[in-house]
Amino acid sequence: MNLSHTGSSEALETRNRSRDVATSGVCTRCMADCQGNCDVFKSSFRGREVIYPVPFGEMTAGADKQFPVDYSHLNILGFAMGAKAIDEANPDKAIFPVVDTTAVYGHTHPVRMRMPVFTGALGSTDIARKNWESFAIGAAISGISVVVGENVCGIDAEAEFTKDGRIKSSPEMERRIKIYKEWQEDFGDVIVQLNVEDTNFGVAQYVVEKLGVETIELKWGQGAKCIGGEIKIRDLDRALELQRRGYIITPNPSLPAVRQAYETGGIKEFERHSRLGFIEEDQFLRTVEYLRRTVGAKRVTLKTGAYGYPEVARAIKWSSKARVDLVTIDGSGGGTGMSPWRMMEEWGVPTFFLQAMAYECTKRLATRGEWTPDLAMAGGFSTEDHIFKVLAMGAPYFKAVCMGRALMIPGFVGGNIEGVVRPGGRAGLWSELPSTVKKFGQSPEEIFVTYSTLKERYGRRMDDMPLGAVAVYTFVDKLRTGLTQFMAGARSFRLDTVSRADLVALTEQAAKVSGIPYVMDAFKEEAERILDS
């Protein structure tokens, strides 16, 4: 069985001519006169451009490889007896709307969120910059955390640097922090991520001291790629400027042949790459201590990628020693479309397997009485059952789920609706409402099921709230409602009562990987005792 889709992909805008495709991804019968458009065909003249999903920076893309085991191989159990974290198992009191979905993470300065979800890292890509208002305000009013991803200061066209290359001012970073904080209430937090370049630019010092940021996230990697972050640049002068700032730019815009190819139209874009980060235990511990004591960060978190068992063990063990507030572990299969497509498909440990590894590592430390950091899982989640399964499978160590594309899509939808129904407001990409939306009405009050609730809460501020933010809030509200229903069915009325006993594995392979009992074995002994009593 071939688990991969090779030879063609909607993400690359390629397709095979033949319905029969070899395991190589090439059509079984490849004709010399073929007019395209498989991966190899397109790569023959566009070369390196075919590495990335298109149109780059204007869409999101997620891997479609079929892994042998995933979260669909687990099912959530329901119970008819007893109730946890509520006064009594009373049908009039134990109802799903009263389920408490409040999540808490952090060590000495904990953060509360209304839901156990937060955004993926929204960094230097155009799609994050253009839609930031929707993402950030939507997260703030939903009471969840937002992550400002890598390189925001470094690629800011209006950024100012000191003579020694340290960031002095970044209007784009200031805008992002300000927008979230203006709408933030008692829940959630804004987290700023650091990669190699951000560290060199002194981003942590700048955002903590000048912008009031309280949480810094160290980045070891992510589940969609094993190299540094990329963006595309379509202007030669811009490429040269970022190269002067220290970024890796390919093809090299300083080379005469490359400049000539750009001028004649052969090269239409450049890639900006971040550098690879390398880890070492003593340096990691010193960095965490430095960020807390010298820079003044209240919280330090870690984002690590889809590496194998040793790196998972290092992330958890070192974070235990350093008292890191949250470790987000990102599995293969996630991503937001800015990664090389084949890398997104074929690199790293898939999310389900990775969470099983992380659980075993953390449990090993806890069994020996060692302090364990709070954990979050990322890598291809979008529904309330995903949230429940991650928290239950990783209980009691996993506190939240990081969602990338799932929390971005509502921002796009709401933004496009606003462009039609609010003349003179923020521009969208639609000229009119599609039938999928129009059937619910023509005004925000008719279209968004939560609009009246938000209007009662915010009053005149609704005029300043992007409809993309309303859409994010509406989506999170859907997740919350669905999660409370699952929790009530499992008779768990608070998040910290969700446990591994609330799940069963539908396949023996899933049971072997996760340690969750196979459905025919779960509670079998208890059933036999009932029958024999």
Protein backbone atom coordinates (compact mmCIF):
# COMPACT_ATOMS: atom_id res chain seq x y z
CA MET A 1 0.00 0.00 0.00
CA ASN A 2 1.33 3.40 -1.01
CA LEU A 3 0.46 5.88 1.75
CA SER A 4 1.68 8.91 -0.21
CA HIS A 5 0.15 10.87 -3.06
CA THR A 6 3.03 11.34 -5.49
CA GLY A 7 3.26 12.73 -8.99
CA SER A 8 0.51 15.29 -8.66
CA SER A 9 -1.07 17.48 -6.05
CA GLU A 10 -3.67 20.21 -5.87
CA ALA A 11 -1.24 22.06 -3.59
CA LEU A 12 1.31 22.25 -6.43
CA GLU A 13 -1.33 22.70 -9.16
CA THR A 14 -0.11 19.55 -10.90
CA ARG A 15 -1.88 16.39 -12.06
CA ASN A 16 -1.08 13.13 -13.81
CA ARG A 17 -2.36 12.61 -17.35
CA SER A 18 -3.01 8.91 -16.82
CA ARG A 19 -5.36 7.31 -14.32
CA ASP A 20 -2.68 4.66 -13.75
CA VAL A 21 0.31 5.95 -11.79
CA ALA A 22 3.42 4.03 -10.76
CA THR A 23 4.71 4.13 -7.18
CA SER A 24 7.25 6.69 -8.39
CA GLY A 25 4.42 9.13 -9.06
CA VAL A 26 5.06 9.04 -12.82
CA CYS A 27 2.28 7.87 -15.13
CA THR A 28 2.57 4.16 -15.88
CA ARG A 29 2.71 5.02 -19.60
CA CYS A 30 4.59 8.31 -19.98
CA MET A 31 4.25 9.72 -23.50
CA ALA A 32 7.05 11.72 -25.07
CA ASP A 33 4.53 14.17 -26.51
CA CYS A 34 2.65 14.70 -23.23
CA GLN A 35 1.57 18.30 -22.62
CA GLY A 36 1.55 17.91 -18.84
CA ASN A 37 1.05 18.55 -16.03
CA CYS A 38 2.60 16.16 -13.49
CA ASP A 39 5.19 17.18 -10.89
CA VAL A 40 8.10 16.13 -13.10
CA PHE A 41 6.66 17.92 -16.13
CA LYS A 42 6.21 21.23 -14.32
CA SER A 43 9.57 20.89 -12.55
CA SER A 44 11.26 20.58 -15.96
CA PHE A 45 10.84 24.30 -16.60
CA ARG A 46 9.87 25.90 -13.25
CA GLY A 47 12.37 23.90 -11.21
CA ARG A 48 12.63 24.93 -7.57
CA GLU A 49 9.31 26.76 -7.66
CA VAL A 50 7.55 23.37 -7.69
CA ILE A 51 8.90 22.60 -4.22
CA TYR A 52 6.30 24.87 -2.60
CA PRO A 53 2.49 24.98 -2.57
CA VAL A 54 0.97 27.70 -4.76
CA PRO A 55 -0.11 30.44 -4.80
CA PHE A 56 2.46 30.84 -2.01
CA GLY A 57 1.44 33.19 0.79
CA GLU A 58 -2.16 33.41 -0.42
CA MET A 59 -3.42 30.02 0.76
CA THR A 60 -2.88 27.32 3.35
CA ALA A 61 -2.02 23.71 2.65
CA GLY A 62 -1.83 20.60 4.80
CA ALA A 63 -0.31 17.21 4.10
CA ASP A 64 -2.64 14.52 2.75
CA LYS A 65 -0.48 11.46 3.38
CA GLN A 66 -2.48 8.64 4.94
CA PHE A 67 -0.70 7.49 8.09
CA PRO A 68 -1.12 3.90 9.35
CA VAL A 69 -2.60 5.08 12.66
CA ASP A 70 -4.26 8.37 13.59
CA TYR A 71 -6.79 9.79 16.04
CA SER A 72 -9.71 8.35 14.07
CA HIS A 73 -8.53 4.98 15.39
CA LEU A 74 -9.64 6.08 18.85
CA ASN A 75 -13.23 6.47 20.01
CA ILE A 76 -14.54 8.38 23.01
CA LEU A 77 -16.35 6.36 25.67
CA GLY A 78 -19.58 7.43 27.29
CA PHE A 79 -20.71 6.37 30.73
CA ALA A 80 -24.10 6.09 32.42
CA MET A 81 -22.93 5.97 36.02
CA GLY A 82 -21.44 8.72 38.15
CA ALA A 83 -20.23 12.26 37.38
CA LYS A 84 -16.85 13.91 38.00
CA ALA A 85 -16.21 17.51 39.07
CA ILE A 86 -19.84 18.38 39.75
CA ASP A 87 -21.84 18.39 42.98
CA GLU A 88 -23.97 15.38 42.20
CA ALA A 89 -24.98 13.03 39.40
CA ASN A 90 -28.32 14.77 39.03
CA PRO A 91 -30.01 15.12 35.60
CA ASP A 92 -31.06 18.67 36.52
CA LYS A 93 -27.52 19.74 37.42
CA ALA A 94 -25.19 17.57 35.35
CA ILE A 95 -26.00 19.16 31.97
CA PHE A 96 -23.46 19.83 29.24
CA PRO A 97 -23.77 23.66 29.17
CA VAL A 98 -22.25 23.81 32.70
CA VAL A 99 -19.11 21.86 31.75
CA ASP A 100 -15.99 23.90 32.58
CA THR A 101 -13.61 24.07 29.61
CA THR A 102 -11.19 26.49 31.27
CA ALA A 103 -7.60 25.45 30.59
CA VAL A 104 -4.54 26.47 32.58
CA TYR A 105 -0.87 26.22 31.65
CA GLY A 106 2.28 27.66 33.13
CA HIS A 107 4.45 27.34 36.22
CA THR A 108 4.79 30.35 38.55
CA HIS A 109 2.66 32.70 36.39
CA PRO A 110 -0.09 30.49 34.97
CA VAL A 111 -2.26 31.50 32.03
CA ARG A 112 -5.96 30.72 31.92
CA MET A 113 -7.80 30.17 28.64
CA ARG A 114 -11.54 29.77 28.13
CA MET A 115 -10.80 26.82 25.86
CA PRO A 116 -7.86 24.39 25.67
CA VAL A 117 -6.79 25.66 22.24
CA PHE A 118 -4.47 28.35 20.92
CA THR A 119 -3.26 29.51 17.51
CA GLY A 120 -0.30 28.19 15.64
CA ALA A 121 2.66 30.49 15.13
CA LEU A 122 1.54 33.32 12.84
CA GLY A 123 4.84 34.76 11.67
CA SER A 124 6.36 36.65 8.77
CA THR A 125 4.13 35.33 6.00
CA ASP A 126 1.88 37.69 4.06
CA ILE A 127 -1.18 35.67 4.94
CA ALA A 128 -0.52 36.18 8.67
CA ARG A 129 0.22 39.90 8.25
CA LYS A 130 -2.83 40.64 6.11
CA ASN A 131 -5.24 38.78 8.37
CA TRP A 132 -3.68 39.60 11.73
CA GLU A 133 -6.58 41.72 12.97
CA SER A 134 -8.99 38.83 12.47
CA PHE A 135 -6.72 36.24 14.03
CA ALA A 136 -5.58 38.28 17.03
CA ILE A 137 -8.88 39.92 17.93
CA GLY A 138 -10.71 36.65 17.38
CA ALA A 139 -8.33 34.88 19.76
CA ALA A 140 -8.54 37.69 22.34
CA ILE A 141 -12.34 37.78 22.49
CA SER A 142 -12.42 33.96 22.57
CA GLY A 143 -10.11 33.98 25.58
CA ILE A 144 -7.34 31.93 23.99
CA SER A 145 -3.65 32.61 23.41
CA VAL A 146 -2.13 33.79 20.15
CA VAL A 147 1.42 33.04 18.99
CA VAL A 148 3.41 35.63 17.04
CA GLY A 149 5.69 33.49 14.92
CA GLU A 150 9.29 33.89 13.85
CA ASN A 151 10.91 36.66 11.77
CA VAL A 152 8.23 39.35 12.17
CA CYS A 153 10.78 41.99 13.18
CA GLY A 154 13.42 40.76 10.76
CA ILE A 155 11.33 41.20 7.62
CA ASP A 156 9.52 44.37 8.70
CA ALA A 157 10.25 46.83 5.89
CA GLU A 158 10.01 49.74 8.33
CA ALA A 159 12.09 48.16 11.10
CA GLU A 160 15.01 50.10 12.54
CA PHE A 161 18.20 48.45 13.76
CA THR A 162 21.11 49.61 15.87
CA LYS A 163 24.63 49.65 14.44
CA ASP A 164 25.31 46.22 15.90
CA GLY A 165 22.22 44.72 14.22
CA ARG A 166 19.79 44.74 17.17
CA ILE A 167 16.16 45.61 16.64
CA LYS A 168 15.33 49.14 17.77
CA SER A 169 11.84 49.52 16.35
CA SER A 170 9.42 47.28 14.47
CA PRO A 171 6.08 48.90 13.62
CA GLU A 172 4.69 45.55 12.45
CA MET A 173 5.50 43.80 15.73
CA GLU A 174 4.14 46.76 17.67
CA ARG A 175 0.92 46.59 15.64
CA ARG A 176 0.47 42.89 16.32
CA ILE A 177 1.00 43.12 20.07
CA LYS A 178 -1.16 46.23 20.40
CA ILE A 179 -4.12 44.73 18.55
CA TYR A 180 -4.25 41.64 20.75
CA LYS A 181 -3.78 43.55 24.00
CA GLU A 182 -6.49 46.09 23.11
CA TRP A 183 -9.07 43.29 23.05
CA GLN A 184 -7.58 40.92 25.64
CA GLU A 185 -9.53 40.45 28.85
CA ASP A 186 -8.75 38.05 31.71
CA PHE A 187 -7.93 35.03 29.56
CA GLY A 188 -5.24 34.14 27.06
CA ASP A 189 -1.78 35.49 26.38
CA VAL A 190 0.37 36.72 23.51
CA ILE A 191 3.44 34.54 22.94
CA VAL A 192 6.37 35.72 20.81
CA GLN A 193 8.50 33.09 19.15
CA LEU A 194 12.29 33.18 18.68
CA ASN A 195 14.38 31.50 16.02
CA VAL A 196 18.08 31.98 15.27
CA GLU A 197 17.66 35.34 13.52
CA ASP A 198 15.23 36.64 16.13
CA THR A 199 17.78 35.81 18.82
CA ASN A 200 20.51 37.62 16.89
CA PHE A 201 18.25 40.66 16.44
CA GLY A 202 17.46 40.82 20.18
CA VAL A 203 13.71 40.39 19.61
CA ALA A 204 13.08 39.02 23.12
CA GLN A 205 14.57 42.06 24.81
CA TYR A 206 12.66 44.38 22.50
CA VAL A 207 9.19 42.85 22.91
CA VAL A 208 9.50 42.34 26.68
CA GLU A 209 11.03 45.71 27.56
CA LYS A 210 9.31 47.93 24.98
CA LEU A 211 6.02 46.17 24.19
CA GLY A 212 5.12 44.51 27.48
CA VAL A 213 5.19 40.91 26.21
CA GLU A 214 5.32 38.39 29.07
CA THR A 215 5.93 35.10 27.25
CA ILE A 216 8.81 34.12 24.98
CA GLU A 217 8.83 30.87 23.03
CA LEU A 218 12.05 29.15 22.01
CA LYS A 219 11.72 27.29 18.72
CA TRP A 220 13.42 24.00 17.94
CA GLY A 221 11.32 23.29 14.88
CA GLN A 222 7.87 22.38 13.65
CA GLY A 223 6.05 19.38 12.28
CA ALA A 224 5.77 20.58 8.69
CA LYS A 225 9.46 21.04 7.99
CA CYS A 226 12.89 20.27 9.38
CA ILE A 227 14.54 23.48 8.12
CA GLY A 228 14.03 27.16 8.92
CA GLY A 229 11.00 29.17 7.94
CA GLU A 230 10.51 30.42 4.39
CA ILE A 231 8.74 33.22 2.64
CA LYS A 232 8.68 34.20 -1.03
CA ILE A 233 9.90 37.61 -2.25
CA ARG A 234 8.97 38.97 -5.65
CA ASP A 235 11.07 42.15 -5.58
CA LEU A 236 14.84 42.19 -6.19
CA ASP A 237 15.57 45.17 -3.95
CA ARG A 238 13.59 43.59 -1.12
CA ALA A 239 15.57 40.37 -1.53
CA LEU A 240 18.84 42.30 -1.35
CA GLU A 241 17.71 44.17 1.75
CA LEU A 242 16.84 40.97 3.62
CA GLN A 243 20.14 39.47 2.53
CA ARG A 244 21.92 42.46 4.06
CA ARG A 245 20.00 41.84 7.29
CA GLY A 246 21.57 38.39 7.43
CA TYR A 247 18.94 36.10 5.96
CA ILE A 248 19.66 33.29 3.52
CA ILE A 249 18.19 34.30 0.15
CA THR A 250 17.97 31.84 -2.73
CA PRO A 251 18.74 32.12 -5.54
CA ASN A 252 21.45 34.55 -4.48
CA PRO A 253 20.27 38.02 -5.63
CA SER A 254 23.81 39.36 -5.45
CA LEU A 255 24.97 37.19 -8.36
CA PRO A 256 24.93 38.94 -11.77
CA ALA A 257 23.45 35.89 -13.53
CA VAL A 258 20.60 35.75 -11.04
CA ARG A 259 19.90 39.48 -11.39
CA GLN A 260 19.85 39.10 -15.18
CA ALA A 261 17.46 36.13 -14.94
CA TYR A 262 15.15 38.22 -12.76
CA GLU A 263 15.25 41.14 -15.18
CA THR A 264 14.45 38.91 -18.18
CA GLY A 265 11.64 37.12 -16.34
CA GLY A 266 13.24 33.70 -15.91
CA ILE A 267 13.35 34.14 -12.14
CA LYS A 268 10.12 35.57 -10.76
CA GLU A 269 10.65 35.14 -7.03
CA PHE A 270 13.25 34.65 -4.32
CA GLU A 271 13.06 32.58 -1.14
CA ARG A 272 14.02 33.84 2.28
CA HIS A 273 15.18 31.09 4.60
CA SER A 274 15.94 31.07 8.30
CA ARG A 275 19.00 29.29 9.62
CA LEU A 276 18.98 25.87 11.21
CA GLY A 277 18.96 25.92 14.98
CA PHE A 278 21.09 23.51 16.99
CA ILE A 279 20.50 22.51 20.59
CA GLU A 280 22.78 21.83 23.54
CA GLU A 281 21.60 21.23 27.09
CA ASP A 282 23.69 23.72 29.04
CA GLN A 283 23.00 26.45 26.50
CA PHE A 284 19.27 25.73 26.63
CA LEU A 285 19.18 25.93 30.42
CA ARG A 286 21.20 29.17 30.39
CA THR A 287 18.92 30.69 27.74
CA VAL A 288 15.77 29.97 29.73
CA GLU A 289 17.37 31.45 32.84
CA TYR A 290 18.58 34.50 30.90
CA LEU A 291 15.12 35.16 29.45
CA ARG A 292 13.60 35.05 32.92
CA ARG A 293 16.18 36.83 35.06
CA THR A 294 17.82 39.28 32.66
CA VAL A 295 15.21 39.93 29.98
CA GLY A 296 12.30 39.74 32.42
CA ALA A 297 10.00 37.25 30.70
CA LYS A 298 7.39 35.86 33.09
CA ARG A 299 6.99 32.71 31.06
CA VAL A 300 9.26 30.75 28.73
CA THR A 301 7.79 28.13 26.43
CA LEU A 302 9.25 25.73 23.88
CA LYS A 303 8.01 24.74 20.42
CA THR A 304 9.55 21.56 19.04
CA GLY A 305 8.92 19.63 15.86
CA ALA A 306 8.30 16.14 14.58
CA TYR A 307 11.66 14.74 15.61
CA GLY A 308 12.23 11.19 16.83
CA TYR A 309 12.30 9.75 20.34
CA PRO A 310 15.68 11.22 21.48
CA GLU A 311 14.67 14.81 20.68
CA VAL A 312 11.29 14.30 22.32
CA ALA A 313 13.06 13.03 25.42
CA ARG A 314 15.49 15.97 25.39
CA ALA A 315 12.68 18.51 25.01
CA ILE A 316 10.78 17.11 27.99
CA LYS A 317 13.77 16.37 30.22
CA TRP A 318 15.48 19.72 29.64
CA SER A 319 12.17 21.57 30.02
CA SER A 320 11.71 19.74 33.31
CA LYS A 321 15.11 20.94 34.52
CA ALA A 322 14.47 24.51 33.33
CA ARG A 323 10.86 24.64 34.59
CA VAL A 324 9.63 25.61 31.12
CA ASP A 325 6.01 26.75 31.27
CA LEU A 326 4.68 24.96 28.20
CA VAL A 327 6.09 22.60 25.59
CA THR A 328 4.23 22.50 22.27
CA ILE A 329 5.02 19.38 20.25
CA ASP A 330 4.19 19.64 16.55
CA GLY A 331 3.62 16.43 14.60
CA SER A 332 4.11 15.64 10.95
CA GLY A 333 1.05 16.25 8.84
CA GLY A 334 0.24 19.73 10.07
CA GLY A 335 1.61 22.96 8.67
CA THR A 336 0.04 26.00 7.06
CA GLY A 337 1.33 25.72 3.51
CA MET A 338 4.62 27.60 3.75
CA SER A 339 6.75 24.45 3.84
CA PRO A 340 8.26 22.47 0.96
CA TRP A 341 5.39 20.21 -0.10
CA ARG A 342 7.25 16.90 -0.24
CA MET A 343 8.87 17.69 3.10
CA MET A 344 5.45 18.37 4.59
CA GLU A 345 4.30 15.01 3.25
CA GLU A 346 7.30 12.82 4.02
CA TRP A 347 9.30 14.27 6.91
CA GLY A 348 8.98 13.59 10.60
CA VAL A 349 6.99 11.56 13.12
CA PRO A 350 3.20 11.72 12.56
CA THR A 351 1.23 13.45 15.31
CA PHE A 352 -0.42 10.37 16.81
CA PHE A 353 2.87 8.51 17.18
CA LEU A 354 4.62 11.63 18.47
CA GLN A 355 2.07 12.24 21.21
CA ALA A 356 2.42 8.62 22.31
CA MET A 357 6.19 9.13 22.58
CA ALA A 358 5.78 12.37 24.52
CA TYR A 359 3.32 10.77 26.92
CA GLU A 360 5.69 7.88 27.66
CA CYS A 361 8.63 10.26 28.22
CA THR A 362 6.65 12.51 30.55
CA LYS A 363 5.16 9.61 32.46
CA ARG A 364 8.65 8.19 33.01
CA LEU A 365 9.78 11.44 34.65
CA ALA A 366 6.60 11.77 36.71
CA THR A 367 6.89 8.18 37.95
CA ARG A 368 10.32 9.05 39.36
CA GLY A 369 8.89 12.12 41.09
CA GLU A 370 10.45 14.65 38.70
CA TRP A 371 8.67 17.89 37.84
CA THR A 372 7.00 17.79 34.43
CA PRO A 373 6.14 20.72 32.15
CA ASP A 374 2.67 21.33 30.77
CA LEU A 375 2.35 20.00 27.23
CA ALA A 376 0.35 20.91 24.13
CA MET A 377 -0.01 18.99 20.88
CA ALA A 378 -0.08 20.41 17.36
CA GLY A 379 -0.24 18.86 13.93
CA GLY A 380 -3.49 18.59 11.99
CA PHE A 381 -6.35 19.29 14.40
CA SER A 382 -9.64 21.03 13.63
CA THR A 383 -12.53 19.53 15.62
CA GLU A 384 -13.79 19.14 19.18
CA ASP A 385 -13.25 15.38 19.15
CA HIS A 386 -9.60 16.01 18.25
CA ILE A 387 -9.32 18.20 21.35
CA PHE A 388 -10.92 15.61 23.61
CA LYS A 389 -8.79 12.77 22.26
CA VAL A 390 -5.52 14.68 22.61
CA LEU A 391 -6.27 15.74 26.18
CA ALA A 392 -7.52 12.29 27.18
CA MET A 393 -4.71 10.35 25.51
CA GLY A 394 -2.14 12.67 27.07
CA ALA A 395 -3.76 13.05 30.50
CA PRO A 396 -2.74 14.41 32.91
CA TYR A 397 0.20 16.09 31.15
CA PHE A 398 -1.37 17.62 28.02
CA LYS A 399 -3.26 20.85 28.69
CA ALA A 400 -4.12 22.21 25.25
CA VAL A 401 -4.20 21.75 21.48
CA CYS A 402 -2.45 24.10 19.07
CA MET A 403 -4.46 24.71 15.88
CA GLY A 404 -2.97 26.27 12.77
CA ARG A 405 -5.13 26.19 9.68
CA ALA A 406 -8.37 25.53 11.59
CA LEU A 407 -8.14 28.88 13.38
CA MET A 408 -7.00 30.72 10.25
CA ILE A 409 -9.83 29.63 7.97
CA PRO A 410 -12.58 31.49 9.92
CA GLY A 411 -10.48 34.65 9.60
CA PHE A 412 -10.51 34.29 5.81
CA VAL A 413 -14.23 33.51 5.70
CA GLY A 414 -15.22 36.42 7.93
CA GLY A 415 -12.92 38.79 6.08
CA ASN A 416 -14.50 37.91 2.76
CA ILE A 417 -17.98 38.34 4.19
CA GLU A 418 -16.99 41.77 5.54
CA GLY A 419 -15.75 42.88 2.13
CA VAL A 420 -19.28 42.41 0.78
CA VAL A 421 -21.60 43.38 3.65
CA ARG A 422 -19.63 46.33 5.04
CA PRO A 423 -19.09 48.77 2.15
CA GLY A 424 -16.05 50.94 2.76
CA GLY A 425 -14.73 48.53 5.38
CA ARG A 426 -11.94 45.99 5.15
CA ALA A 427 -11.56 44.54 1.68
CA GLY A 428 -12.15 40.86 1.09
CA LEU A 429 -11.70 38.56 -1.90
CA TRP A 430 -15.37 38.12 -2.80
CA SER A 431 -17.40 40.41 -5.06
CA GLU A 432 -20.66 38.97 -3.69
CA LEU A 433 -21.80 36.49 -1.08
CA PRO A 434 -21.76 32.90 -2.30
CA SER A 435 -24.96 30.86 -2.00
CA THR A 436 -23.42 28.93 0.92
CA VAL A 437 -23.48 32.15 2.95
CA LYS A 438 -26.33 34.08 1.31
CA LYS A 439 -28.91 31.49 2.31
CA PHE A 440 -28.52 32.61 5.93
CA GLY A 441 -28.96 36.32 5.19
CA GLN A 442 -27.28 39.48 3.95
CA SER A 443 -26.24 41.18 7.20
CA PRO A 444 -23.73 40.22 9.91
CA GLU A 445 -26.60 39.81 12.40
CA GLU A 446 -28.24 37.23 10.11
CA ILE A 447 -25.10 35.43 8.98
CA PHE A 448 -23.20 35.00 12.27
CA VAL A 449 -24.98 33.01 14.95
CA THR A 450 -22.88 34.70 17.67
CA TYR A 451 -23.12 38.29 16.41
CA SER A 452 -25.92 39.39 18.76
CA THR A 453 -24.10 37.88 21.74
CA LEU A 454 -20.95 39.80 20.88
CA LYS A 455 -22.90 43.00 20.22
CA GLU A 456 -24.45 42.80 23.67
CA ARG A 457 -20.99 42.28 25.15
CA TYR A 458 -19.09 44.93 23.19
CA GLY A 459 -21.72 47.49 22.16
CA ARG A 460 -20.34 50.16 19.84
CA ARG A 461 -16.96 48.42 19.68
CA MET A 462 -18.58 45.99 17.25
CA ASP A 463 -18.11 48.64 14.56
CA ASP A 464 -14.35 48.22 15.00
CA MET A 465 -14.38 44.45 15.28
CA PRO A 466 -13.41 42.67 12.03
CA LEU A 467 -15.94 40.11 10.91
CA GLY A 468 -12.98 37.77 10.59
CA ALA A 469 -12.65 38.01 14.38
CA VAL A 470 -16.37 37.33 14.76
CA ALA A 471 -15.87 34.23 12.62
CA VAL A 472 -12.95 33.02 14.76
CA TYR A 473 -15.05 33.52 17.90
CA THR A 474 -17.95 31.66 16.30
CA PHE A 475 -15.72 28.74 15.37
CA VAL A 476 -14.21 28.54 18.87
CA ASP A 477 -17.73 28.66 20.31
CA LYS A 478 -18.62 25.67 18.14
CA LEU A 479 -15.54 23.82 19.42
CA ARG A 480 -16.49 24.65 23.00
CA THR A 481 -20.07 23.46 22.61
CA GLY A 482 -18.98 20.22 20.99
CA LEU A 483 -16.29 19.63 23.61
CA THR A 484 -18.76 20.15 26.47
CA GLN A 485 -21.06 17.57 24.90
CA PHE A 486 -18.29 14.97 24.68
CA MET A 487 -17.19 15.74 28.24
CA ALA A 488 -20.70 15.47 29.62
CA GLY A 489 -21.11 12.14 27.85
CA ALA A 490 -17.92 10.96 29.53
CA ARG A 491 -19.34 12.35 32.80
CA SER A 492 -16.35 14.71 33.13
CA PHE A 493 -17.48 18.23 33.97
CA ARG A 494 -14.02 19.81 34.22
CA LEU A 495 -11.00 19.39 31.95
CA ASP A 496 -8.70 17.97 34.60
CA THR A 497 -11.04 15.00 35.07
CA VAL A 498 -10.69 13.85 31.46
CA SER A 499 -8.50 10.75 31.43
CA ARG A 500 -7.14 7.95 29.26
CA ALA A 501 -9.95 5.74 30.56
CA ASP A 502 -12.31 7.85 28.44
CA LEU A 503 -10.88 6.37 25.23
CA VAL A 504 -10.76 3.01 23.49
CA ALA A 505 -8.63 1.94 20.53
CA LEU A 506 -10.53 0.56 17.54
CA THR A 507 -7.53 -1.29 16.14
CA GLU A 508 -4.90 -3.35 17.86
CA GLN A 509 -2.18 -1.31 16.17
CA ALA A 510 -3.58 1.90 17.66
CA ALA A 511 -3.69 0.20 21.05
CA LYS A 512 -0.06 -0.87 20.70
CA VAL A 513 1.13 2.63 19.74
CA SER A 514 -0.91 4.62 22.24
CA GLY A 515 -1.28 2.28 25.19
CA ILE A 516 -5.03 2.93 25.08
CA PRO A 517 -6.83 -0.40 25.57
CA TYR A 518 -8.33 -2.19 22.59
CA VAL A 519 -12.10 -1.80 22.54
CA MET A 520 -12.74 -5.49 23.27
CA ASP A 521 -10.40 -5.41 26.27
CA ALA A 522 -11.39 -2.08 27.84
CA PHE A 523 -13.17 -2.60 31.20
CA LYS A 524 -13.66 -6.30 30.39
CA GLU A 525 -12.61 -7.42 33.87
CA GLU A 526 -15.05 -4.98 35.48
CA ALA A 527 -17.81 -6.29 33.24
CA GLU A 528 -17.00 -9.86 34.27
CA ARG A 529 -17.15 -8.90 37.96
CA ILE A 530 -20.59 -7.38 37.42
CA LEU A 531 -21.80 -10.47 35.67
CA ASP A 532 -20.37 -12.81 38.30
CA SER A 533 -21.65 -10.84 41.30
